[in-house]
């Protein structure tokens, strides 16, 4: 009986009820994008500040897309379903000379 109680205590003490947060993409994207200045910041400054883009496209101008996504699964009652905490997207348009032309920041509330 004592062994069963001890085994149960060891098993339950290894369980954690803490929040598990999964973070993908660039950390603190909203704060970092605030430091970018249109018609002033160049391509090298962007890569130094934020890092390489999640997606890169080049048509007439270069377009850099940065993503940040945070999800959490904390409650046992939710049975593993994840809750979206943060879903940010930053779209930067860079001209042929490497200068930032425009930036558009979308957060979770802006998306459908």
PDB file of N, CA and C in Angstrom:
ATOM      1  N   UNK A   1       0.830  -1.191   0.000  1.00  0.00           N
ATOM      2  CA  UNK A   1       0.000   0.000   0.000  1.00  0.00           C
ATOM      3  C   UNK A   1       0.872   1.252   0.000  1.00  0.00           C
ATOM      4  N   UNK A   2       1.950   1.225   0.820  1.00  0.00           N
ATOM      5  CA  UNK A   2       2.830   2.381   0.880  1.00  0.00           C
ATOM      6  C   UNK A   2       3.544   2.588  -0.456  1.00  0.00           C
ATOM      7  N   UNK A   3       3.906   1.471  -1.109  1.00  0.00           N
ATOM      8  CA  UNK A   3       4.581   1.573  -2.403  1.00  0.00           C
ATOM      9  C   UNK A   3       3.652   2.179  -3.445  1.00  0.00           C
ATOM     10  N   UNK A   4       2.386   1.797  -3.423  1.00  0.00           N
ATOM     11  CA  UNK A   4       1.419   2.331  -4.369  1.00  0.00           C
ATOM     12  C   UNK A   4       1.204   3.829  -4.144  1.00  0.00           C
ATOM     13  N   UNK A   5       1.123   4.236  -2.891  1.00  0.00           N
ATOM     14  CA  UNK A   5       0.970   5.645  -2.558  1.00  0.00           C
ATOM     15  C   UNK A   5       2.200   6.433  -2.986  1.00  0.00           C
ATOM     16  N   UNK A   6       3.379   5.890  -2.741  1.00  0.00           N
ATOM     17  CA  UNK A   6       4.616   6.546  -3.121  1.00  0.00           C
ATOM     18  C   UNK A   6       4.720   6.657  -4.640  1.00  0.00           C
ATOM     19  N   UNK A   7       4.386   5.621  -5.338  1.00  0.00           N
ATOM     20  CA  UNK A   7       4.418   5.620  -6.794  1.00  0.00           C
ATOM     21  C   UNK A   7       3.431   6.645  -7.367  1.00  0.00           C
ATOM     22  N   UNK A   8       2.261   6.739  -6.767  1.00  0.00           N
ATOM     23  CA  UNK A   8       1.257   7.714  -7.207  1.00  0.00           C
ATOM     24  C   UNK A   8       1.744   9.141  -6.973  1.00  0.00           C
ATOM     25  N   UNK A   9       2.367   9.398  -5.831  1.00  0.00           N
ATOM     26  CA  UNK A   9       2.901  10.728  -5.547  1.00  0.00           C
ATOM     27  C   UNK A   9       4.007  11.106  -6.522  1.00  0.00           C
ATOM     28  N   UNK A  10       4.875  10.173  -6.826  1.00  0.00           N
ATOM     29  CA  UNK A  10       5.954  10.457  -7.780  1.00  0.00           C
ATOM     30  C   UNK A  10       5.376  10.763  -9.155  1.00  0.00           C
ATOM     31  N   UNK A  11       4.374   9.983  -9.563  1.00  0.00           N
ATOM     32  CA  UNK A  11       3.751  10.192 -10.864  1.00  0.00           C
ATOM     33  C   UNK A  11       3.068  11.555 -10.934  1.00  0.00           C
ATOM     34  N   UNK A  12       2.323  11.924  -9.913  1.00  0.00           N
ATOM     35  CA  UNK A  12       1.599  13.193  -9.917  1.00  0.00           C
ATOM     36  C   UNK A  12       2.526  14.391  -9.759  1.00  0.00           C
ATOM     37  N   UNK A  13       3.642  14.222  -9.071  1.00  0.00           N
ATOM     38  CA  UNK A  13       4.555  15.345  -8.898  1.00  0.00           C
ATOM     39  C   UNK A  13       5.302  15.656 -10.187  1.00  0.00           C
ATOM     40  N   UNK A  14       5.390  14.688 -11.098  1.00  0.00           N
ATOM     41  CA  UNK A  14       6.063  14.944 -12.367  1.00  0.00           C
ATOM     42  C   UNK A  14       5.149  15.651 -13.362  1.00  0.00           C
ATOM     43  N   UNK A  15       3.852  15.674 -13.120  1.00  0.00           N
ATOM     44  CA  UNK A  15       2.920  16.373 -13.993  1.00  0.00           C
ATOM     45  C   UNK A  15       3.016  17.873 -13.731  1.00  0.00           C
ATOM     46  N   UNK A  16       2.907  18.634 -14.787  1.00  0.00           N
ATOM     47  CA  UNK A  16       2.983  20.077 -14.655  1.00  0.00           C
ATOM     48  C   UNK A  16       1.686  20.699 -15.141  1.00  0.00           C
ATOM     49  N   UNK A  17       1.187  21.649 -14.410  1.00  0.00           N
ATOM     50  CA  UNK A  17      -0.021  22.359 -14.805  1.00  0.00           C
ATOM     51  C   UNK A  17       0.301  23.739 -15.339  1.00  0.00           C
ATOM     52  N   UNK A  18       1.595  23.998 -15.592  1.00  0.00           N
ATOM     53  CA  UNK A  18       2.005  25.294 -16.123  1.00  0.00           C
ATOM     54  C   UNK A  18       1.565  25.427 -17.578  1.00  0.00           C
ATOM     55  N   UNK A  19       1.476  26.663 -17.999  1.00  0.00           N
ATOM     56  CA  UNK A  19       1.123  26.971 -19.365  1.00  0.00           C
ATOM     57  C   UNK A  19       2.248  26.551 -20.298  1.00  0.00           C
ATOM     58  N   UNK A  20       1.916  25.926 -21.391  1.00  0.00           N
ATOM     59  CA  UNK A  20       2.895  25.590 -22.413  1.00  0.00           C
ATOM     60  C   UNK A  20       2.655  26.528 -23.579  1.00  0.00           C
ATOM     61  N   UNK A  21       3.626  27.406 -23.827  1.00  0.00           N
ATOM     62  CA  UNK A  21       3.502  28.389 -24.889  1.00  0.00           C
ATOM     63  C   UNK A  21       4.458  28.009 -26.003  1.00  0.00           C
ATOM     64  N   UNK A  22       3.918  27.845 -27.195  1.00  0.00           N
ATOM     65  CA  UNK A  22       4.734  27.566 -28.370  1.00  0.00           C
ATOM     66  C   UNK A  22       4.851  28.844 -29.176  1.00  0.00           C
ATOM     67  N   UNK A  23       6.082  29.211 -29.497  1.00  0.00           N
ATOM     68  CA  UNK A  23       6.347  30.460 -30.181  1.00  0.00           C
ATOM     69  C   UNK A  23       7.061  30.163 -31.491  1.00  0.00           C
ATOM     70  N   UNK A  24       6.517  30.639 -32.597  1.00  0.00           N
ATOM     71  CA  UNK A  24       7.110  30.435 -33.911  1.00  0.00           C
ATOM     72  C   UNK A  24       7.328  31.789 -34.564  1.00  0.00           C
ATOM     73  N   UNK A  25       8.428  31.927 -35.270  1.00  0.00           N
ATOM     74  CA  UNK A  25       8.708  33.159 -35.997  1.00  0.00           C
ATOM     75  C   UNK A  25       9.585  34.092 -35.193  1.00  0.00           C
ATOM     76  N   UNK A  26       9.460  35.371 -35.478  1.00  0.00           N
ATOM     77  CA  UNK A  26      10.281  36.415 -34.871  1.00  0.00           C
ATOM     78  C   UNK A  26       9.677  36.834 -33.536  1.00  0.00           C
ATOM     79  N   UNK A  27      10.469  36.810 -32.485  1.00  0.00           N
ATOM     80  CA  UNK A  27      10.003  37.243 -31.174  1.00  0.00           C
ATOM     81  C   UNK A  27       9.905  38.769 -31.141  1.00  0.00           C
ATOM     82  N   UNK A  28       8.884  39.294 -30.485  1.00  0.00           N
ATOM     83  CA  UNK A  28       8.660  40.733 -30.295  1.00  0.00           C
ATOM     84  C   UNK A  28       8.631  41.499 -31.621  1.00  0.00           C
ATOM     85  N   UNK A  29       7.911  40.997 -32.582  1.00  0.00           N
ATOM     86  CA  UNK A  29       7.844  41.604 -33.906  1.00  0.00           C
ATOM     87  C   UNK A  29       7.246  43.006 -33.856  1.00  0.00           C
ATOM     88  N   UNK A  30       6.258  43.217 -33.016  1.00  0.00           N
ATOM     89  CA  UNK A  30       5.602  44.523 -32.943  1.00  0.00           C
ATOM     90  C   UNK A  30       6.568  45.608 -32.463  1.00  0.00           C
ATOM     91  N   UNK A  31       7.395  45.303 -31.482  1.00  0.00           N
ATOM     92  CA  UNK A  31       8.362  46.276 -30.978  1.00  0.00           C
ATOM     93  C   UNK A  31       9.469  46.532 -32.001  1.00  0.00           C
ATOM     94  N   UNK A  32       9.902  45.486 -32.680  1.00  0.00           N
ATOM     95  CA  UNK A  32      10.984  45.634 -33.651  1.00  0.00           C
ATOM     96  C   UNK A  32      10.540  46.423 -34.875  1.00  0.00           C
ATOM     97  N   UNK A  33       9.311  46.227 -35.319  1.00  0.00           N
ATOM     98  CA  UNK A  33       8.841  46.938 -36.499  1.00  0.00           C
ATOM     99  C   UNK A  33       8.667  48.420 -36.231  1.00  0.00           C
ATOM    100  N   UNK A  34       8.475  48.799 -34.979  1.00  0.00           N
ATOM    101  CA  UNK A  34       8.329  50.211 -34.634  1.00  0.00           C
ATOM    102  C   UNK A  34       9.634  50.980 -34.844  1.00  0.00           C
ATOM    103  N   UNK A  35      10.753  50.282 -34.846  1.00  0.00           N
ATOM    104  CA  UNK A  35      12.051  50.928 -35.038  1.00  0.00           C
ATOM    105  C   UNK A  35      12.384  51.175 -36.504  1.00  0.00           C
ATOM    106  N   UNK A  36      11.619  50.599 -37.413  1.00  0.00           N
ATOM    107  CA  UNK A  36      11.868  50.768 -38.840  1.00  0.00           C
ATOM    108  C   UNK A  36      11.284  52.091 -39.323  1.00  0.00           C
ATOM    109  N   UNK A  37      12.057  52.843 -40.102  1.00  0.00           N
ATOM    110  CA  UNK A  37      11.614  54.140 -40.615  1.00  0.00           C
ATOM    111  C   UNK A  37      11.528  54.073 -42.139  1.00  0.00           C
ATOM    112  N   UNK A  38      10.385  54.488 -42.667  1.00  0.00           N
ATOM    113  CA  UNK A  38      10.167  54.481 -44.112  1.00  0.00           C
ATOM    114  C   UNK A  38      11.066  55.534 -44.761  1.00  0.00           C
ATOM    115  N   UNK A  39      11.622  55.204 -45.916  1.00  0.00           N
ATOM    116  CA  UNK A  39      12.548  56.034 -46.700  1.00  0.00           C
ATOM    117  C   UNK A  39      13.855  56.323 -45.979  1.00  0.00           C
ATOM    118  N   UNK A  40      14.164  55.593 -44.933  1.00  0.00           N
ATOM    119  CA  UNK A  40      15.420  55.785 -44.201  1.00  0.00           C
ATOM    120  C   UNK A  40      16.133  54.452 -43.957  1.00  0.00           C
ATOM    121  N   UNK A  41      15.410  53.469 -43.471  1.00  0.00           N
ATOM    122  CA  UNK A  41      15.992  52.172 -43.133  1.00  0.00           C
ATOM    123  C   UNK A  41      16.310  51.399 -44.411  1.00  0.00           C
ATOM    124  N   UNK A  42      17.487  50.768 -44.442  1.00  0.00           N
ATOM    125  CA  UNK A  42      17.844  49.984 -45.623  1.00  0.00           C
ATOM    126  C   UNK A  42      17.741  48.487 -45.333  1.00  0.00           C
ATOM    127  N   UNK A  43      17.980  47.695 -46.371  1.00  0.00           N
ATOM    128  CA  UNK A  43      17.831  46.240 -46.302  1.00  0.00           C
ATOM    129  C   UNK A  43      18.744  45.620 -45.246  1.00  0.00           C
ATOM    130  N   UNK A  44      19.973  46.105 -45.134  1.00  0.00           N
ATOM    131  CA  UNK A  44      20.921  45.577 -44.142  1.00  0.00           C
ATOM    132  C   UNK A  44      20.471  45.874 -42.715  1.00  0.00           C
ATOM    133  N   UNK A  45      19.913  47.066 -42.498  1.00  0.00           N
ATOM    134  CA  UNK A  45      19.390  47.414 -41.164  1.00  0.00           C
ATOM    135  C   UNK A  45      18.230  46.508 -40.774  1.00  0.00           C
ATOM    136  N   UNK A  46      17.378  46.204 -41.737  1.00  0.00           N
ATOM    137  CA  UNK A  46      16.217  45.345 -41.471  1.00  0.00           C
ATOM    138  C   UNK A  46      16.677  43.948 -41.061  1.00  0.00           C
ATOM    139  N   UNK A  47      17.619  43.389 -41.819  1.00  0.00           N
ATOM    140  CA  UNK A  47      18.096  42.040 -41.511  1.00  0.00           C
ATOM    141  C   UNK A  47      18.845  42.015 -40.186  1.00  0.00           C
ATOM    142  N   UNK A  48      19.564  43.082 -39.875  1.00  0.00           N
ATOM    143  CA  UNK A  48      20.270  43.149 -38.590  1.00  0.00           C
ATOM    144  C   UNK A  48      19.301  43.254 -37.420  1.00  0.00           C
ATOM    145  N   UNK A  49      18.234  44.029 -37.585  1.00  0.00           N
ATOM    146  CA  UNK A  49      17.275  44.247 -36.497  1.00  0.00           C
ATOM    147  C   UNK A  49      16.324  43.061 -36.309  1.00  0.00           C
ATOM    148  N   UNK A  50      15.747  42.574 -37.402  1.00  0.00           N
ATOM    149  CA  UNK A  50      14.710  41.552 -37.303  1.00  0.00           C
ATOM    150  C   UNK A  50      15.234  40.166 -37.669  1.00  0.00           C
ATOM    151  N   UNK A  51      16.198  40.098 -38.563  1.00  0.00           N
ATOM    152  CA  UNK A  51      16.715  38.817 -39.016  1.00  0.00           C
ATOM    153  C   UNK A  51      16.240  38.525 -40.431  1.00  0.00           C
ATOM    154  N   UNK A  52      16.537  37.354 -40.936  1.00  0.00           N
ATOM    155  CA  UNK A  52      16.086  37.023 -42.296  1.00  0.00           C
ATOM    156  C   UNK A  52      14.572  36.861 -42.338  1.00  0.00           C
ATOM    157  N   UNK A  53      13.949  37.205 -43.464  1.00  0.00           N
ATOM    158  CA  UNK A  53      12.492  37.136 -43.544  1.00  0.00           C
ATOM    159  C   UNK A  53      11.974  35.706 -43.582  1.00  0.00           C
ATOM    160  N   UNK A  54      10.746  35.532 -43.121  1.00  0.00           N
ATOM    161  CA  UNK A  54      10.088  34.234 -43.193  1.00  0.00           C
ATOM    162  C   UNK A  54       9.793  33.871 -44.639  1.00  0.00           C
ATOM    163  N   UNK A  55       9.388  34.864 -45.423  1.00  0.00           N
ATOM    164  CA  UNK A  55       9.104  34.685 -46.838  1.00  0.00           C
ATOM    165  C   UNK A  55       9.642  35.894 -47.583  1.00  0.00           C
ATOM    166  N   UNK A  56      10.201  35.645 -48.743  1.00  0.00           N
ATOM    167  CA  UNK A  56      10.793  36.717 -49.533  1.00  0.00           C
ATOM    168  C   UNK A  56      10.245  36.617 -50.947  1.00  0.00           C
ATOM    169  N   UNK A  57       9.903  37.763 -51.536  1.00  0.00           N
ATOM    170  CA  UNK A  57       9.344  37.787 -52.874  1.00  0.00           C
ATOM    171  C   UNK A  57       9.965  38.962 -53.620  1.00  0.00           C
ATOM    172  N   UNK A  58      10.146  38.811 -54.923  1.00  0.00           N
ATOM    173  CA  UNK A  58      10.657  39.951 -55.690  1.00  0.00           C
ATOM    174  C   UNK A  58       9.925  40.039 -57.021  1.00  0.00           C
ATOM    175  N   UNK A  59       9.161  41.097 -57.168  1.00  0.00           N
ATOM    176  CA  UNK A  59       8.508  41.426 -58.425  1.00  0.00           C
ATOM    177  C   UNK A  59       9.206  42.683 -58.923  1.00  0.00           C
ATOM    178  N   UNK A  60       8.554  43.826 -58.845  1.00  0.00           N
ATOM    179  CA  UNK A  60       9.225  45.076 -59.178  1.00  0.00           C
ATOM    180  C   UNK A  60      10.125  45.484 -58.020  1.00  0.00           C
ATOM    181  N   UNK A  61       9.626  45.319 -56.816  1.00  0.00           N
ATOM    182  CA  UNK A  61      10.376  45.618 -55.595  1.00  0.00           C
ATOM    183  C   UNK A  61      10.457  44.348 -54.754  1.00  0.00           C
ATOM    184  N   UNK A  62      11.418  44.315 -53.836  1.00  0.00           N
ATOM    185  CA  UNK A  62      11.518  43.176 -52.923  1.00  0.00           C
ATOM    186  C   UNK A  62      10.442  43.298 -51.852  1.00  0.00           C
ATOM    187  N   UNK A  63       9.844  42.194 -51.492  1.00  0.00           N
ATOM    188  CA  UNK A  63       8.851  42.169 -50.422  1.00  0.00           C
ATOM    189  C   UNK A  63       9.309  41.143 -49.396  1.00  0.00           C
ATOM    190  N   UNK A  64       9.479  41.598 -48.157  1.00  0.00           N
ATOM    191  CA  UNK A  64       9.857  40.728 -47.050  1.00  0.00           C
ATOM    192  C   UNK A  64       8.635  40.533 -46.170  1.00  0.00           C
ATOM    193  N   UNK A  65       8.375  39.298 -45.775  1.00  0.00           N
ATOM    194  CA  UNK A  65       7.243  38.997 -44.895  1.00  0.00           C
ATOM    195  C   UNK A  65       7.781  38.314 -43.649  1.00  0.00           C
ATOM    196  N   UNK A  66       7.463  38.885 -42.493  1.00  0.00           N
ATOM    197  CA  UNK A  66       7.877  38.340 -41.198  1.00  0.00           C
ATOM    198  C   UNK A  66       6.639  37.878 -40.443  1.00  0.00           C
ATOM    199  N   UNK A  67       6.753  36.749 -39.756  1.00  0.00           N
ATOM    200  CA  UNK A  67       5.632  36.171 -39.020  1.00  0.00           C
ATOM    201  C   UNK A  67       5.992  35.974 -37.552  1.00  0.00           C
ATOM    202  N   UNK A  68       4.987  36.098 -36.692  1.00  0.00           N
ATOM    203  CA  UNK A  68       5.110  35.757 -35.274  1.00  0.00           C
ATOM    204  C   UNK A  68       3.804  35.110 -34.856  1.00  0.00           C
ATOM    205  N   UNK A  69       3.909  33.934 -34.265  1.00  0.00           N
ATOM    206  CA  UNK A  69       2.715  33.207 -33.840  1.00  0.00           C
ATOM    207  C   UNK A  69       2.967  32.564 -32.489  1.00  0.00           C
ATOM    208  N   UNK A  70       2.050  32.803 -31.548  1.00  0.00           N
ATOM    209  CA  UNK A  70       2.118  32.187 -30.223  1.00  0.00           C
ATOM    210  C   UNK A  70       0.824  31.441 -29.967  1.00  0.00           C
ATOM    211  N   UNK A  71       0.968  30.183 -29.540  1.00  0.00           N
ATOM    212  CA  UNK A  71      -0.195  29.398 -29.141  1.00  0.00           C
ATOM    213  C   UNK A  71       0.054  28.827 -27.756  1.00  0.00           C
ATOM    214  N   UNK A  72      -1.028  28.520 -27.066  1.00  0.00           N
ATOM    215  CA  UNK A  72      -0.918  27.994 -25.712  1.00  0.00           C
ATOM    216  C   UNK A  72      -1.907  26.856 -25.521  1.00  0.00           C
ATOM    217  N   UNK A  73      -1.457  25.842 -24.837  1.00  0.00           N
ATOM    218  CA  UNK A  73      -2.364  24.768 -24.420  1.00  0.00           C
ATOM    219  C   UNK A  73      -2.080  24.508 -22.956  1.00  0.00           C
ATOM    220  N   UNK A  74      -2.956  25.021 -22.103  1.00  0.00           N
ATOM    221  CA  UNK A  74      -2.650  24.994 -20.675  1.00  0.00           C
ATOM    222  C   UNK A  74      -3.624  24.170 -19.853  1.00  0.00           C
ATOM    223  N   UNK A  75      -4.870  24.161 -20.200  1.00  0.00           N
ATOM    224  CA  UNK A  75      -5.865  23.540 -19.327  1.00  0.00           C
ATOM    225  C   UNK A  75      -6.106  22.092 -19.701  1.00  0.00           C
ATOM    226  N   UNK A  76      -6.239  21.297 -18.713  1.00  0.00           N
ATOM    227  CA  UNK A  76      -6.545  19.895 -18.917  1.00  0.00           C
ATOM    228  C   UNK A  76      -7.962  19.720 -19.459  1.00  0.00           C
ATOM    229  N   UNK A  77      -8.842  20.643 -19.112  1.00  0.00           N
ATOM    230  CA  UNK A  77     -10.233  20.542 -19.543  1.00  0.00           C
ATOM    231  C   UNK A  77     -10.395  20.831 -21.033  1.00  0.00           C
ATOM    232  N   UNK A  78      -9.437  21.482 -21.644  1.00  0.00           N
ATOM    233  CA  UNK A  78      -9.529  21.791 -23.079  1.00  0.00           C
ATOM    234  C   UNK A  78      -9.105  20.612 -23.934  1.00  0.00           C
ATOM    235  N   UNK A  79      -8.535  19.595 -23.324  1.00  0.00           N
ATOM    236  CA  UNK A  79      -8.160  18.355 -23.996  1.00  0.00           C
ATOM    237  C   UNK A  79      -7.204  18.574 -25.173  1.00  0.00           C
ATOM    238  N   UNK A  80      -6.192  19.390 -24.946  1.00  0.00           N
ATOM    239  CA  UNK A  80      -5.147  19.560 -25.941  1.00  0.00           C
ATOM    240  C   UNK A  80      -5.421  20.599 -27.006  1.00  0.00           C
ATOM    241  N   UNK A  81      -6.579  21.243 -26.972  1.00  0.00           N
ATOM    242  CA  UNK A  81      -6.861  22.284 -27.954  1.00  0.00           C
ATOM    243  C   UNK A  81      -5.988  23.491 -27.659  1.00  0.00           C
ATOM    244  N   UNK A  82      -5.483  24.104 -28.712  1.00  0.00           N
ATOM    245  CA  UNK A  82      -4.588  25.241 -28.546  1.00  0.00           C
ATOM    246  C   UNK A  82      -5.357  26.543 -28.688  1.00  0.00           C
ATOM    247  N   UNK A  83      -4.931  27.527 -27.917  1.00  0.00           N
ATOM    248  CA  UNK A  83      -5.526  28.860 -27.951  1.00  0.00           C
ATOM    249  C   UNK A  83      -4.525  29.792 -28.611  1.00  0.00           C
ATOM    250  N   UNK A  84      -4.957  30.569 -29.580  1.00  0.00           N
ATOM    251  CA  UNK A  84      -4.098  31.502 -30.285  1.00  0.00           C
ATOM    252  C   UNK A  84      -3.914  32.756 -29.450  1.00  0.00           C
ATOM    253  N   UNK A  85      -2.676  33.027 -29.048  1.00  0.00           N
ATOM    254  CA  UNK A  85      -2.375  34.203 -28.237  1.00  0.00           C
ATOM    255  C   UNK A  85      -1.983  35.372 -29.126  1.00  0.00           C
ATOM    256  N   UNK A  86      -1.115  35.115 -30.089  1.00  0.00           N
ATOM    257  CA  UNK A  86      -0.582  36.176 -30.926  1.00  0.00           C
ATOM    258  C   UNK A  86      -0.402  35.657 -32.342  1.00  0.00           C
ATOM    259  N   UNK A  87      -0.789  36.459 -33.316  1.00  0.00           N
ATOM    260  CA  UNK A  87      -0.611  36.103 -34.719  1.00  0.00           C
ATOM    261  C   UNK A  87      -0.328  37.396 -35.474  1.00  0.00           C
ATOM    262  N   UNK A  88       0.942  37.761 -35.603  1.00  0.00           N
ATOM    263  CA  UNK A  88       1.347  39.018 -36.220  1.00  0.00           C
ATOM    264  C   UNK A  88       2.036  38.750 -37.550  1.00  0.00           C
ATOM    265  N   UNK A  89       1.794  39.652 -38.508  1.00  0.00           N
ATOM    266  CA  UNK A  89       2.443  39.585 -39.810  1.00  0.00           C
ATOM    267  C   UNK A  89       2.944  40.978 -40.152  1.00  0.00           C
ATOM    268  N   UNK A  90       4.191  41.061 -40.604  1.00  0.00           N
ATOM    269  CA  UNK A  90       4.791  42.319 -41.035  1.00  0.00           C
ATOM    270  C   UNK A  90       5.192  42.171 -42.492  1.00  0.00           C
ATOM    271  N   UNK A  91       4.689  43.082 -43.348  1.00  0.00           N
ATOM    272  CA  UNK A  91       5.010  43.067 -44.770  1.00  0.00           C
ATOM    273  C   UNK A  91       5.809  44.325 -45.078  1.00  0.00           C
ATOM    274  N   UNK A  92       7.041  44.136 -45.562  1.00  0.00           N
ATOM    275  CA  UNK A  92       7.925  45.248 -45.895  1.00  0.00           C
ATOM    276  C   UNK A  92       8.175  45.266 -47.391  1.00  0.00           C
ATOM    277  N   UNK A  93       8.070  46.453 -47.982  1.00  0.00           N
ATOM    278  CA  UNK A  93       8.377  46.608 -49.402  1.00  0.00           C
ATOM    279  C   UNK A  93       9.660  47.419 -49.518  1.00  0.00           C
ATOM    280  N   UNK A  94      10.627  46.872 -50.241  1.00  0.00           N
ATOM    281  CA  UNK A  94      11.951  47.480 -50.369  1.00  0.00           C
ATOM    282  C   UNK A  94      12.200  47.762 -51.842  1.00  0.00           C
ATOM    283  N   UNK A  95      12.664  48.981 -52.152  1.00  0.00           N
ATOM    284  CA  UNK A  95      12.899  49.328 -53.554  1.00  0.00           C
ATOM    285  C   UNK A  95      14.203  48.718 -54.074  1.00  0.00           C
ATOM    286  N   UNK A  96      14.532  49.001 -55.338  1.00  0.00           N
ATOM    287  CA  UNK A  96      15.699  48.400 -55.981  1.00  0.00           C
ATOM    288  C   UNK A  96      17.020  48.868 -55.373  1.00  0.00           C
ATOM    289  N   UNK A  97      17.025  50.011 -54.717  1.00  0.00           N
ATOM    290  CA  UNK A  97      18.252  50.510 -54.084  1.00  0.00           C
ATOM    291  C   UNK A  97      18.420  49.994 -52.657  1.00  0.00           C
ATOM    292  N   UNK A  98      17.430  49.282 -52.134  1.00  0.00           N
ATOM    293  CA  UNK A  98      17.533  48.691 -50.808  1.00  0.00           C
ATOM    294  C   UNK A  98      16.933  49.516 -49.689  1.00  0.00           C
ATOM    295  N   UNK A  99      16.160  50.550 -50.032  1.00  0.00           N
ATOM    296  CA  UNK A  99      15.540  51.419 -49.027  1.00  0.00           C
ATOM    297  C   UNK A  99      14.093  50.970 -48.795  1.00  0.00           C
ATOM    298  N   UNK A 100      13.646  51.037 -47.544  1.00  0.00           N
ATOM    299  CA  UNK A 100      12.289  50.639 -47.161  1.00  0.00           C
ATOM    300  C   UNK A 100      11.270  51.628 -47.715  1.00  0.00           C
ATOM    301  N   UNK A 101      10.350  51.139 -48.561  1.00  0.00           N
ATOM    302  CA  UNK A 101       9.307  51.987 -49.138  1.00  0.00           C
ATOM    303  C   UNK A 101       8.045  52.015 -48.293  1.00  0.00           C
ATOM    304  N   UNK A 102       7.615  50.851 -47.821  1.00  0.00           N
ATOM    305  CA  UNK A 102       6.396  50.806 -47.020  1.00  0.00           C
ATOM    306  C   UNK A 102       6.447  49.618 -46.079  1.00  0.00           C
ATOM    307  N   UNK A 103       5.688  49.739 -45.000  1.00  0.00           N
ATOM    308  CA  UNK A 103       5.549  48.638 -44.048  1.00  0.00           C
ATOM    309  C   UNK A 103       4.096  48.555 -43.624  1.00  0.00           C
ATOM    310  N   UNK A 104       3.618  47.328 -43.541  1.00  0.00           N
ATOM    311  CA  UNK A 104       2.247  47.075 -43.106  1.00  0.00           C
ATOM    312  C   UNK A 104       2.308  46.022 -42.022  1.00  0.00           C
ATOM    313  N   UNK A 105       1.724  46.347 -40.879  1.00  0.00           N
ATOM    314  CA  UNK A 105       1.721  45.424 -39.741  1.00  0.00           C
ATOM    315  C   UNK A 105       0.293  44.985 -39.474  1.00  0.00           C
ATOM    316  N   UNK A 106       0.080  43.668 -39.430  1.00  0.00           N
ATOM    317  CA  UNK A 106      -1.228  43.098 -39.160  1.00  0.00           C
ATOM    318  C   UNK A 106      -1.145  42.260 -37.893  1.00  0.00           C
ATOM    319  N   UNK A 107      -2.087  42.456 -36.986  1.00  0.00           N
ATOM    320  CA  UNK A 107      -2.127  41.623 -35.783  1.00  0.00           C
ATOM    321  C   UNK A 107      -3.336  40.692 -35.845  1.00  0.00           C
ATOM    322  N   UNK A 108      -3.560  39.976 -34.784  1.00  0.00           N
ATOM    323  CA  UNK A 108      -4.628  38.967 -34.735  1.00  0.00           C
ATOM    324  C   UNK A 108      -6.006  39.586 -35.002  1.00  0.00           C
ATOM    325  N   UNK A 109      -6.238  40.798 -34.545  1.00  0.00           N
ATOM    326  CA  UNK A 109      -7.540  41.439 -34.706  1.00  0.00           C
ATOM    327  C   UNK A 109      -7.806  41.891 -36.143  1.00  0.00           C
ATOM    328  N   UNK A 110      -6.733  42.139 -36.925  1.00  0.00           N
ATOM    329  CA  UNK A 110      -6.880  42.597 -38.305  1.00  0.00           C
ATOM    330  C   UNK A 110      -7.222  41.473 -39.266  1.00  0.00           C
ATOM    331  N   UNK A 111      -7.002  40.241 -38.847  1.00  0.00           N
ATOM    332  CA  UNK A 111      -7.190  39.099 -39.748  1.00  0.00           C
ATOM    333  C   UNK A 111      -8.553  38.449 -39.534  1.00  0.00           C
ATOM    334  N   UNK A 112      -9.028  37.826 -40.590  1.00  0.00           N
ATOM    335  CA  UNK A 112     -10.316  37.122 -40.512  1.00  0.00           C
ATOM    336  C   UNK A 112     -10.107  35.732 -39.983  1.00  0.00           C
TER     337      UNK A 112
END
